[in-house]
Amino acid sequence: INQYVDQQKPWILAKNPDSLEQVQKVCSMALNGFRLLMQLLAPVLPQMVKKVQVFFNENHWSWSDMHPLLGKQIQAYEPLLMRLQPEQW
Protein backbone atom coordinates (compact mmCIF):
# COMPACT_ATOMS: atom_id res chain seq x y z
CA ILE A 1 0.00 0.00 0.00
CA ASN A 2 2.82 2.42 0.87
CA GLN A 3 4.47 1.90 -2.52
CA TYR A 4 1.14 2.38 -4.31
CA VAL A 5 0.41 5.65 -2.49
CA ASP A 6 3.97 6.87 -3.07
CA GLN A 7 3.70 6.09 -6.80
CA GLN A 8 0.29 7.77 -7.14
CA LYS A 9 1.28 10.85 -5.08
CA PRO A 10 -2.24 11.98 -4.12
CA TRP A 11 -0.80 15.12 -2.47
CA ILE A 12 0.30 16.23 -5.95
CA LEU A 13 -2.82 14.96 -7.74
CA ALA A 14 -5.00 16.96 -5.32
CA LYS A 15 -3.61 20.20 -6.73
CA ASN A 16 -5.38 19.50 -10.04
CA PRO A 17 -9.21 19.70 -9.80
CA ASP A 18 -9.49 17.25 -12.74
CA SER A 19 -7.70 14.55 -10.69
CA LEU A 20 -9.92 14.58 -7.61
CA GLU A 21 -11.62 11.30 -8.54
CA GLN A 22 -8.20 9.62 -8.75
CA VAL A 23 -7.22 11.19 -5.40
CA GLN A 24 -10.31 9.67 -3.81
CA LYS A 25 -9.50 6.25 -5.28
CA VAL A 26 -5.91 6.34 -4.00
CA CYS A 27 -6.95 7.53 -0.55
CA SER A 28 -9.72 4.93 -0.37
CA MET A 29 -7.21 2.21 -1.21
CA ALA A 30 -4.85 3.46 1.50
CA LEU A 31 -7.62 3.66 4.10
CA ASN A 32 -8.85 0.17 3.26
CA GLY A 33 -5.31 -1.18 3.55
CA PHE A 34 -4.92 0.50 6.92
CA ARG A 35 -8.29 -0.87 8.09
CA LEU A 36 -7.34 -4.40 7.03
CA LEU A 37 -3.99 -4.15 8.79
CA MET A 38 -5.67 -2.99 11.99
CA GLN A 39 -8.17 -5.86 11.77
CA LEU A 40 -5.24 -8.27 11.63
CA LEU A 41 -3.49 -6.53 14.54
CA ALA A 42 -6.58 -6.41 16.76
CA PRO A 43 -5.38 -9.18 19.10
CA VAL A 44 -2.05 -7.40 19.57
CA LEU A 45 -3.19 -3.74 19.72
CA PRO A 46 -6.74 -3.83 21.10
CA GLN A 47 -6.76 -0.26 22.48
CA MET A 48 -5.51 1.24 19.23
CA VAL A 49 -8.02 -0.84 17.27
CA LYS A 50 -10.86 0.68 19.32
CA LYS A 51 -9.73 4.15 18.20
CA VAL A 52 -9.53 2.99 14.58
CA GLN A 53 -13.02 1.50 14.76
CA VAL A 54 -14.34 4.88 15.96
CA PHE A 55 -12.53 6.55 13.03
CA PHE A 56 -14.29 4.16 10.62
CA ASN A 57 -17.67 4.47 12.42
CA GLU A 58 -17.60 0.81 13.36
CA ASN A 59 -17.89 -0.77 16.78
CA HIS A 60 -16.99 -4.40 16.16
CA TRP A 61 -14.95 -6.40 13.67
CA SER A 62 -15.09 -10.07 12.84
CA TRP A 63 -13.31 -12.12 10.21
CA SER A 64 -16.30 -11.66 7.91
CA ASP A 65 -15.66 -7.88 7.99
CA MET A 66 -12.34 -8.26 6.17
CA HIS A 67 -13.56 -6.75 2.92
CA PRO A 68 -13.11 -3.29 1.39
CA LEU A 69 -15.11 -0.55 3.01
CA LEU A 70 -16.82 1.48 0.29
CA GLY A 71 -19.38 4.28 0.34
CA LYS A 72 -19.14 4.93 4.06
CA GLN A 73 -18.48 8.19 5.90
CA ILE A 74 -15.46 8.24 8.22
CA GLN A 75 -14.61 10.55 11.11
CA ALA A 76 -12.15 13.43 10.96
CA TYR A 77 -8.53 12.44 11.38
CA GLU A 78 -7.10 12.32 14.89
CA PRO A 79 -3.61 11.00 15.68
CA LEU A 80 -3.58 7.48 17.11
CA LEU A 81 -0.14 7.85 18.67
CA MET A 82 2.15 10.72 19.48
CA ARG A 83 5.80 10.47 18.41
CA LEU A 84 8.19 10.49 21.32
CA GLN A 85 10.84 13.18 21.18
CA PRO A 86 14.38 12.29 22.33
CA GLU A 87 13.99 14.47 25.44
CA GLN A 88 11.05 12.27 26.48
CA TRP A 89 13.09 9.06 26.52
PDB file of N, CA and C in Angstrom:
ATOM      1  N   ILE A   1       0.842  -1.194   0.000  1.00  0.00           N
ATOM      2  CA  ILE A   1       0.000   0.000   0.000  1.00  0.00           C
ATOM      3  C   ILE A   1       0.883   1.251   0.000  1.00  0.00           C
ATOM      4  N   ASN A   2       1.942   1.246   0.821  1.00  0.00           N
ATOM      5  CA  ASN A   2       2.823   2.417   0.865  1.00  0.00           C
ATOM      6  C   ASN A   2       3.431   2.724  -0.495  1.00  0.00           C
ATOM      7  N   GLN A   3       3.891   1.694  -1.202  1.00  0.00           N
ATOM      8  CA  GLN A   3       4.470   1.903  -2.525  1.00  0.00           C
ATOM      9  C   GLN A   3       3.429   2.446  -3.501  1.00  0.00           C
ATOM     10  N   TYR A   4       2.219   1.910  -3.439  1.00  0.00           N
ATOM     11  CA  TYR A   4       1.145   2.376  -4.312  1.00  0.00           C
ATOM     12  C   TYR A   4       0.854   3.859  -4.081  1.00  0.00           C
ATOM     13  N   VAL A   5       0.702   4.239  -2.816  1.00  0.00           N
ATOM     14  CA  VAL A   5       0.411   5.645  -2.493  1.00  0.00           C
ATOM     15  C   VAL A   5       1.576   6.531  -2.922  1.00  0.00           C
ATOM     16  N   ASP A   6       2.802   6.080  -2.681  1.00  0.00           N
ATOM     17  CA  ASP A   6       3.970   6.865  -3.075  1.00  0.00           C
ATOM     18  C   ASP A   6       4.040   7.042  -4.595  1.00  0.00           C
ATOM     19  N   GLN A   7       3.701   5.999  -5.334  1.00  0.00           N
ATOM     20  CA  GLN A   7       3.705   6.091  -6.798  1.00  0.00           C
ATOM     21  C   GLN A   7       2.606   7.016  -7.312  1.00  0.00           C
ATOM     22  N   GLN A   8       1.434   6.966  -6.682  1.00  0.00           N
ATOM     23  CA  GLN A   8       0.294   7.769  -7.136  1.00  0.00           C
ATOM     24  C   GLN A   8       0.400   9.238  -6.724  1.00  0.00           C
ATOM     25  N   LYS A   9       1.058   9.498  -5.599  1.00  0.00           N
ATOM     26  CA  LYS A   9       1.279  10.852  -5.078  1.00  0.00           C
ATOM     27  C   LYS A   9      -0.018  11.682  -5.021  1.00  0.00           C
ATOM     28  N   PRO A  10      -0.967  11.254  -4.184  1.00  0.00           N
ATOM     29  CA  PRO A  10      -2.239  11.981  -4.120  1.00  0.00           C
ATOM     30  C   PRO A  10      -2.077  13.430  -3.659  1.00  0.00           C
ATOM     31  N   TRP A  11      -1.035  13.744  -2.912  1.00  0.00           N
ATOM     32  CA  TRP A  11      -0.798  15.117  -2.470  1.00  0.00           C
ATOM     33  C   TRP A  11      -0.477  16.023  -3.653  1.00  0.00           C
ATOM     34  N   ILE A  12       0.048  15.456  -4.724  1.00  0.00           N
ATOM     35  CA  ILE A  12       0.300  16.229  -5.949  1.00  0.00           C
ATOM     36  C   ILE A  12      -0.958  16.227  -6.817  1.00  0.00           C
ATOM     37  N   LEU A  13      -1.588  15.054  -6.944  1.00  0.00           N
ATOM     38  CA  LEU A  13      -2.816  14.964  -7.745  1.00  0.00           C
ATOM     39  C   LEU A  13      -3.894  15.914  -7.233  1.00  0.00           C
ATOM     40  N   ALA A  14      -3.953  16.125  -5.928  1.00  0.00           N
ATOM     41  CA  ALA A  14      -5.000  16.956  -5.324  1.00  0.00           C
ATOM     42  C   ALA A  14      -4.912  18.418  -5.764  1.00  0.00           C
ATOM     43  N   LYS A  15      -3.775  18.813  -6.273  1.00  0.00           N
ATOM     44  CA  LYS A  15      -3.608  20.203  -6.735  1.00  0.00           C
ATOM     45  C   LYS A  15      -4.325  20.455  -8.059  1.00  0.00           C
ATOM     46  N   ASN A  16      -4.696  19.387  -8.761  1.00  0.00           N
ATOM     47  CA  ASN A  16      -5.385  19.499 -10.035  1.00  0.00           C
ATOM     48  C   ASN A  16      -6.853  19.093  -9.845  1.00  0.00           C
ATOM     49  N   PRO A  17      -7.789  20.021  -9.998  1.00  0.00           N
ATOM     50  CA  PRO A  17      -9.205  19.698  -9.803  1.00  0.00           C
ATOM     51  C   PRO A  17      -9.704  18.548 -10.686  1.00  0.00           C
ATOM     52  N   ASP A  18      -9.075  18.332 -11.839  1.00  0.00           N
ATOM     53  CA  ASP A  18      -9.491  17.251 -12.735  1.00  0.00           C
ATOM     54  C   ASP A  18      -9.076  15.871 -12.210  1.00  0.00           C
ATOM     55  N   SER A  19      -8.208  15.831 -11.206  1.00  0.00           N
ATOM     56  CA  SER A  19      -7.699  14.555 -10.689  1.00  0.00           C
ATOM     57  C   SER A  19      -8.347  14.141  -9.374  1.00  0.00           C
ATOM     58  N   LEU A  20      -9.356  14.855  -8.926  1.00  0.00           N
ATOM     59  CA  LEU A  20      -9.923  14.580  -7.611  1.00  0.00           C
ATOM     60  C   LEU A  20     -10.534  13.187  -7.501  1.00  0.00           C
ATOM     61  N   GLU A  21     -11.077  12.658  -8.577  1.00  0.00           N
ATOM     62  CA  GLU A  21     -11.619  11.296  -8.539  1.00  0.00           C
ATOM     63  C   GLU A  21     -10.490  10.284  -8.301  1.00  0.00           C
ATOM     64  N   GLN A  22      -9.352  10.502  -8.951  1.00  0.00           N
ATOM     65  CA  GLN A  22      -8.197   9.621  -8.747  1.00  0.00           C
ATOM     66  C   GLN A  22      -7.660   9.754  -7.320  1.00  0.00           C
ATOM     67  N   VAL A  23      -7.660  10.964  -6.786  1.00  0.00           N
ATOM     68  CA  VAL A  23      -7.218  11.186  -5.397  1.00  0.00           C
ATOM     69  C   VAL A  23      -8.100  10.378  -4.452  1.00  0.00           C
ATOM     70  N   GLN A  24      -9.390  10.417  -4.679  1.00  0.00           N
ATOM     71  CA  GLN A  24     -10.313   9.672  -3.814  1.00  0.00           C
ATOM     72  C   GLN A  24     -10.057   8.167  -3.911  1.00  0.00           C
ATOM     73  N   LYS A  25      -9.786   7.673  -5.109  1.00  0.00           N
ATOM     74  CA  LYS A  25      -9.498   6.249  -5.276  1.00  0.00           C
ATOM     75  C   LYS A  25      -8.228   5.846  -4.527  1.00  0.00           C
ATOM     76  N   VAL A  26      -7.188   6.647  -4.664  1.00  0.00           N
ATOM     77  CA  VAL A  26      -5.910   6.343  -4.001  1.00  0.00           C
ATOM     78  C   VAL A  26      -6.087   6.382  -2.487  1.00  0.00           C
ATOM     79  N   CYS A  27      -6.750   7.407  -1.989  1.00  0.00           N
ATOM     80  CA  CYS A  27      -6.950   7.531  -0.547  1.00  0.00           C
ATOM     81  C   CYS A  27      -7.856   6.424  -0.011  1.00  0.00           C
ATOM     82  N   SER A  28      -8.854   6.042  -0.780  1.00  0.00           N
ATOM     83  CA  SER A  28      -9.724   4.935  -0.367  1.00  0.00           C
ATOM     84  C   SER A  28      -8.935   3.632  -0.281  1.00  0.00           C
ATOM     85  N   MET A  29      -8.047   3.402  -1.236  1.00  0.00           N
ATOM     86  CA  MET A  29      -7.206   2.205  -1.206  1.00  0.00           C
ATOM     87  C   MET A  29      -6.316   2.218   0.034  1.00  0.00           C
ATOM     88  N   ALA A  30      -5.726   3.356   0.332  1.00  0.00           N
ATOM     89  CA  ALA A  30      -4.854   3.463   1.502  1.00  0.00           C
ATOM     90  C   ALA A  30      -5.637   3.243   2.799  1.00  0.00           C
ATOM     91  N   LEU A  31      -6.801   3.844   2.898  1.00  0.00           N
ATOM     92  CA  LEU A  31      -7.618   3.662   4.104  1.00  0.00           C
ATOM     93  C   LEU A  31      -8.071   2.219   4.271  1.00  0.00           C
ATOM     94  N   ASN A  32      -8.446   1.576   3.178  1.00  0.00           N
ATOM     95  CA  ASN A  32      -8.854   0.175   3.263  1.00  0.00           C
ATOM     96  C   ASN A  32      -7.681  -0.721   3.646  1.00  0.00           C
ATOM     97  N   GLY A  33      -6.497  -0.420   3.154  1.00  0.00           N
ATOM     98  CA  GLY A  33      -5.314  -1.179   3.551  1.00  0.00           C
ATOM     99  C   GLY A  33      -5.018  -1.011   5.028  1.00  0.00           C
ATOM    100  N   PHE A  34      -5.128   0.214   5.508  1.00  0.00           N
ATOM    101  CA  PHE A  34      -4.923   0.498   6.925  1.00  0.00           C
ATOM    102  C   PHE A  34      -5.960  -0.233   7.783  1.00  0.00           C
ATOM    103  N   ARG A  35      -7.206  -0.197   7.350  1.00  0.00           N
ATOM    104  CA  ARG A  35      -8.286  -0.872   8.088  1.00  0.00           C
ATOM    105  C   ARG A  35      -8.038  -2.373   8.157  1.00  0.00           C
ATOM    106  N   LEU A  36      -7.631  -2.967   7.050  1.00  0.00           N
ATOM    107  CA  LEU A  36      -7.339  -4.399   7.027  1.00  0.00           C
ATOM    108  C   LEU A  36      -6.171  -4.729   7.956  1.00  0.00           C
ATOM    109  N   LEU A  37      -5.127  -3.937   7.903  1.00  0.00           N
ATOM    110  CA  LEU A  37      -3.987  -4.152   8.787  1.00  0.00           C
ATOM    111  C   LEU A  37      -4.397  -4.084  10.250  1.00  0.00           C
ATOM    112  N   MET A  38      -5.235  -3.118  10.594  1.00  0.00           N
ATOM    113  CA  MET A  38      -5.674  -2.990  11.986  1.00  0.00           C
ATOM    114  C   MET A  38      -6.572  -4.164  12.390  1.00  0.00           C
ATOM    115  N   GLN A  39      -7.356  -4.682  11.458  1.00  0.00           N
ATOM    116  CA  GLN A  39      -8.165  -5.864  11.769  1.00  0.00           C
ATOM    117  C   GLN A  39      -7.262  -7.041  12.109  1.00  0.00           C
ATOM    118  N   LEU A  40      -6.174  -7.180  11.368  1.00  0.00           N
ATOM    119  CA  LEU A  40      -5.241  -8.273  11.630  1.00  0.00           C
ATOM    120  C   LEU A  40      -4.485  -8.077  12.941  1.00  0.00           C
ATOM    121  N   LEU A  41      -4.236  -6.827  13.314  1.00  0.00           N
ATOM    122  CA  LEU A  41      -3.488  -6.527  14.538  1.00  0.00           C
ATOM    123  C   LEU A  41      -4.370  -6.399  15.777  1.00  0.00           C
ATOM    124  N   ALA A  42      -5.657  -6.581  15.631  1.00  0.00           N
ATOM    125  CA  ALA A  42      -6.582  -6.406  16.760  1.00  0.00           C
ATOM    126  C   ALA A  42      -6.192  -7.202  18.001  1.00  0.00           C
ATOM    127  N   PRO A  43      -5.761  -8.448  17.879  1.00  0.00           N
ATOM    128  CA  PRO A  43      -5.385  -9.178  19.098  1.00  0.00           C
ATOM    129  C   PRO A  43      -4.146  -8.609  19.792  1.00  0.00           C
ATOM    130  N   VAL A  44      -3.301  -7.917  19.031  1.00  0.00           N
ATOM    131  CA  VAL A  44      -2.045  -7.396  19.571  1.00  0.00           C
ATOM    132  C   VAL A  44      -2.189  -5.955  20.071  1.00  0.00           C
ATOM    133  N   LEU A  45      -3.021  -5.168  19.401  1.00  0.00           N
ATOM    134  CA  LEU A  45      -3.189  -3.738  19.720  1.00  0.00           C
ATOM    135  C   LEU A  45      -4.658  -3.393  19.962  1.00  0.00           C
ATOM    136  N   PRO A  46      -5.297  -4.019  20.943  1.00  0.00           N
ATOM    137  CA  PRO A  46      -6.742  -3.827  21.102  1.00  0.00           C
ATOM    138  C   PRO A  46      -7.158  -2.388  21.403  1.00  0.00           C
ATOM    139  N   GLN A  47      -6.376  -1.642  22.161  1.00  0.00           N
ATOM    140  CA  GLN A  47      -6.757  -0.258  22.485  1.00  0.00           C
ATOM    141  C   GLN A  47      -6.669   0.638  21.252  1.00  0.00           C
ATOM    142  N   MET A  48      -5.638   0.448  20.453  1.00  0.00           N
ATOM    143  CA  MET A  48      -5.510   1.243  19.234  1.00  0.00           C
ATOM    144  C   MET A  48      -6.630   0.881  18.253  1.00  0.00           C
ATOM    145  N   VAL A  49      -6.958  -0.389  18.181  1.00  0.00           N
ATOM    146  CA  VAL A  49      -8.023  -0.837  17.273  1.00  0.00           C
ATOM    147  C   VAL A  49      -9.350  -0.181  17.635  1.00  0.00           C
ATOM    148  N   LYS A  50      -9.614   0.003  18.912  1.00  0.00           N
ATOM    149  CA  LYS A  50     -10.857   0.680  19.317  1.00  0.00           C
ATOM    150  C   LYS A  50     -10.915   2.091  18.747  1.00  0.00           C
ATOM    151  N   LYS A  51      -9.779   2.799  18.764  1.00  0.00           N
ATOM    152  CA  LYS A  51      -9.730   4.155  18.196  1.00  0.00           C
ATOM    153  C   LYS A  51      -9.957   4.111  16.680  1.00  0.00           C
ATOM    154  N   VAL A  52      -9.380   3.116  16.033  1.00  0.00           N
ATOM    155  CA  VAL A  52      -9.531   2.988  14.583  1.00  0.00           C
ATOM    156  C   VAL A  52     -10.980   2.660  14.229  1.00  0.00           C
ATOM    157  N   GLN A  53     -11.610   1.824  15.011  1.00  0.00           N
ATOM    158  CA  GLN A  53     -13.020   1.504  14.762  1.00  0.00           C
ATOM    159  C   GLN A  53     -13.887   2.760  14.871  1.00  0.00           C
ATOM    160  N   VAL A  54     -13.603   3.614  15.838  1.00  0.00           N
ATOM    161  CA  VAL A  54     -14.335   4.880  15.962  1.00  0.00           C
ATOM    162  C   VAL A  54     -14.116   5.720  14.706  1.00  0.00           C
ATOM    163  N   PHE A  55     -12.869   5.790  14.243  1.00  0.00           N
ATOM    164  CA  PHE A  55     -12.528   6.548  13.030  1.00  0.00           C
ATOM    165  C   PHE A  55     -13.357   6.062  11.834  1.00  0.00           C
ATOM    166  N   PHE A  56     -13.541   4.736  11.737  1.00  0.00           N
ATOM    167  CA  PHE A  56     -14.292   4.164  10.617  1.00  0.00           C
ATOM    168  C   PHE A  56     -15.789   4.022  10.911  1.00  0.00           C
ATOM    169  N   ASN A  57     -16.254   4.568  12.027  1.00  0.00           N
ATOM    170  CA  ASN A  57     -17.667   4.473  12.417  1.00  0.00           C
ATOM    171  C   ASN A  57     -18.118   3.013  12.542  1.00  0.00           C
ATOM    172  N   GLU A  58     -17.283   2.212  13.151  1.00  0.00           N
ATOM    173  CA  GLU A  58     -17.600   0.806  13.358  1.00  0.00           C
ATOM    174  C   GLU A  58     -17.371   0.497  14.839  1.00  0.00           C
ATOM    175  N   ASN A  59     -18.088  -0.467  15.370  1.00  0.00           N
ATOM    176  CA  ASN A  59     -17.890  -0.774  16.784  1.00  0.00           C
ATOM    177  C   ASN A  59     -17.479  -2.219  17.030  1.00  0.00           C
ATOM    178  N   HIS A  60     -17.396  -3.007  15.990  1.00  0.00           N
ATOM    179  CA  HIS A  60     -16.994  -4.395  16.155  1.00  0.00           C
ATOM    180  C   HIS A  60     -16.485  -4.926  14.827  1.00  0.00           C
ATOM    181  N   TRP A  61     -15.438  -5.745  14.874  1.00  0.00           N
ATOM    182  CA  TRP A  61     -14.950  -6.401  13.669  1.00  0.00           C
ATOM    183  C   TRP A  61     -14.938  -7.900  13.884  1.00  0.00           C
ATOM    184  N   SER A  62     -15.237  -8.617  12.838  1.00  0.00           N
ATOM    185  CA  SER A  62     -15.090 -10.067  12.843  1.00  0.00           C
ATOM    186  C   SER A  62     -14.369 -10.441  11.549  1.00  0.00           C
ATOM    187  N   TRP A  63     -14.012 -11.693  11.419  1.00  0.00           N
ATOM    188  CA  TRP A  63     -13.306 -12.123  10.212  1.00  0.00           C
ATOM    189  C   TRP A  63     -14.146 -11.884   8.966  1.00  0.00           C
ATOM    190  N   SER A  64     -15.446 -11.897   9.079  1.00  0.00           N
ATOM    191  CA  SER A  64     -16.297 -11.661   7.910  1.00  0.00           C
ATOM    192  C   SER A  64     -16.296 -10.192   7.483  1.00  0.00           C
ATOM    193  N   ASP A  65     -15.733  -9.306   8.321  1.00  0.00           N
ATOM    194  CA  ASP A  65     -15.657  -7.881   7.988  1.00  0.00           C
ATOM    195  C   ASP A  65     -14.401  -7.524   7.198  1.00  0.00           C
ATOM    196  N   MET A  66     -13.610  -8.520   6.862  1.00  0.00           N
ATOM    197  CA  MET A  66     -12.345  -8.258   6.170  1.00  0.00           C
ATOM    198  C   MET A  66     -12.586  -8.126   4.668  1.00  0.00           C
ATOM    199  N   HIS A  67     -13.259  -7.071   4.307  1.00  0.00           N
ATOM    200  CA  HIS A  67     -13.557  -6.750   2.916  1.00  0.00           C
ATOM    201  C   HIS A  67     -13.412  -5.243   2.770  1.00  0.00           C
ATOM    202  N   PRO A  68     -13.247  -4.737   1.565  1.00  0.00           N
ATOM    203  CA  PRO A  68     -13.105  -3.286   1.389  1.00  0.00           C
ATOM    204  C   PRO A  68     -14.325  -2.531   1.906  1.00  0.00           C
ATOM    205  N   LEU A  69     -14.062  -1.435   2.512  1.00  0.00           N
ATOM    206  CA  LEU A  69     -15.106  -0.555   3.007  1.00  0.00           C
ATOM    207  C   LEU A  69     -15.344   0.515   1.941  1.00  0.00           C
ATOM    208  N   LEU A  70     -16.518   0.539   1.369  1.00  0.00           N
ATOM    209  CA  LEU A  70     -16.823   1.482   0.291  1.00  0.00           C
ATOM    210  C   LEU A  70     -18.111   2.233   0.600  1.00  0.00           C
ATOM    211  N   GLY A  71     -18.163   3.497   0.201  1.00  0.00           N
ATOM    212  CA  GLY A  71     -19.381   4.275   0.335  1.00  0.00           C
ATOM    213  C   GLY A  71     -19.786   4.578   1.761  1.00  0.00           C
ATOM    214  N   LYS A  72     -18.822   4.680   2.662  1.00  0.00           N
ATOM    215  CA  LYS A  72     -19.143   4.931   4.058  1.00  0.00           C
ATOM    216  C   LYS A  72     -18.398   6.170   4.553  1.00  0.00           C
ATOM    217  N   GLN A  73     -19.068   6.980   5.329  1.00  0.00           N
ATOM    218  CA  GLN A  73     -18.482   8.188   5.905  1.00  0.00           C
ATOM    219  C   GLN A  73     -17.539   7.802   7.044  1.00  0.00           C
ATOM    220  N   ILE A  74     -16.389   8.460   7.114  1.00  0.00           N
ATOM    221  CA  ILE A  74     -15.455   8.244   8.216  1.00  0.00           C
ATOM    222  C   ILE A  74     -15.349   9.517   9.036  1.00  0.00           C
ATOM    223  N   GLN A  75     -14.776   9.394  10.219  1.00  0.00           N
ATOM    224  CA  GLN A  75     -14.609  10.546  11.105  1.00  0.00           C
ATOM    225  C   GLN A  75     -13.407  11.386  10.664  1.00  0.00           C
ATOM    226  N   ALA A  76     -13.311  12.577  11.213  1.00  0.00           N
ATOM    227  CA  ALA A  76     -12.150  13.432  10.964  1.00  0.00           C
ATOM    228  C   ALA A  76     -10.914  12.784  11.558  1.00  0.00           C
ATOM    229  N   TYR A  77      -9.796  13.026  10.940  1.00  0.00           N
ATOM    230  CA  TYR A  77      -8.532  12.436  11.382  1.00  0.00           C
ATOM    231  C   TYR A  77      -8.129  12.940  12.763  1.00  0.00           C
ATOM    232  N   GLU A  78      -7.717  12.014  13.598  1.00  0.00           N
ATOM    233  CA  GLU A  78      -7.097  12.324  14.891  1.00  0.00           C
ATOM    234  C   GLU A  78      -5.917  11.385  15.048  1.00  0.00           C
ATOM    235  N   PRO A  79      -4.774  11.878  15.523  1.00  0.00           N
ATOM    236  CA  PRO A  79      -3.611  10.997  15.675  1.00  0.00           C
ATOM    237  C   PRO A  79      -3.902   9.828  16.623  1.00  0.00           C
ATOM    238  N   LEU A  80      -3.421   8.654  16.263  1.00  0.00           N
ATOM    239  CA  LEU A  80      -3.584   7.477  17.105  1.00  0.00           C
ATOM    240  C   LEU A  80      -2.480   7.393  18.150  1.00  0.00           C
ATOM    241  N   LEU A  81      -1.312   7.852  17.784  1.00  0.00           N
ATOM    242  CA  LEU A  81      -0.144   7.846  18.673  1.00  0.00           C
ATOM    243  C   LEU A  81       0.587   9.166  18.523  1.00  0.00           C
ATOM    244  N   MET A  82       1.304   9.529  19.554  1.00  0.00           N
ATOM    245  CA  MET A  82       2.148  10.717  19.480  1.00  0.00           C
ATOM    246  C   MET A  82       3.603  10.254  19.429  1.00  0.00           C
ATOM    247  N   ARG A  83       4.385  10.823  18.546  1.00  0.00           N
ATOM    248  CA  ARG A  83       5.796  10.471  18.413  1.00  0.00           C
ATOM    249  C   ARG A  83       6.565  10.970  19.643  1.00  0.00           C
ATOM    250  N   LEU A  84       7.359  10.103  20.195  1.00  0.00           N
ATOM    251  CA  LEU A  84       8.195  10.491  21.325  1.00  0.00           C
ATOM    252  C   LEU A  84       9.393  11.284  20.837  1.00  0.00           C
ATOM    253  N   GLN A  85       9.665  12.371  21.488  1.00  0.00           N
ATOM    254  CA  GLN A  85      10.838  13.176  21.184  1.00  0.00           C
ATOM    255  C   GLN A  85      12.005  12.664  22.027  1.00  0.00           C
ATOM    256  N   PRO A  86      13.235  12.810  21.560  1.00  0.00           N
ATOM    257  CA  PRO A  86      14.384  12.291  22.325  1.00  0.00           C
ATOM    258  C   PRO A  86      14.412  12.757  23.778  1.00  0.00           C
ATOM    259  N   GLU A  87      13.974  13.963  24.055  1.00  0.00           N
ATOM    260  CA  GLU A  87      13.994  14.466  25.442  1.00  0.00           C
ATOM    261  C   GLU A  87      12.974  13.762  26.318  1.00  0.00           C
ATOM    262  N   GLN A  88      12.050  13.020  25.717  1.00  0.00           N
ATOM    263  CA  GLN A  88      11.051  12.272  26.482  1.00  0.00           C
ATOM    264  C   GLN A  88      11.503  10.856  26.819  1.00  0.00           C
ATOM    265  N   TRP A  89      12.629  10.425  26.283  1.00  0.00           N
ATOM    266  CA  TRP A  89      13.092   9.056  26.516  1.00  0.00           C
ATOM    267  C   TRP A  89      13.576   8.885  27.902  1.00  0.00           C
TER     268      TRP A  89
END
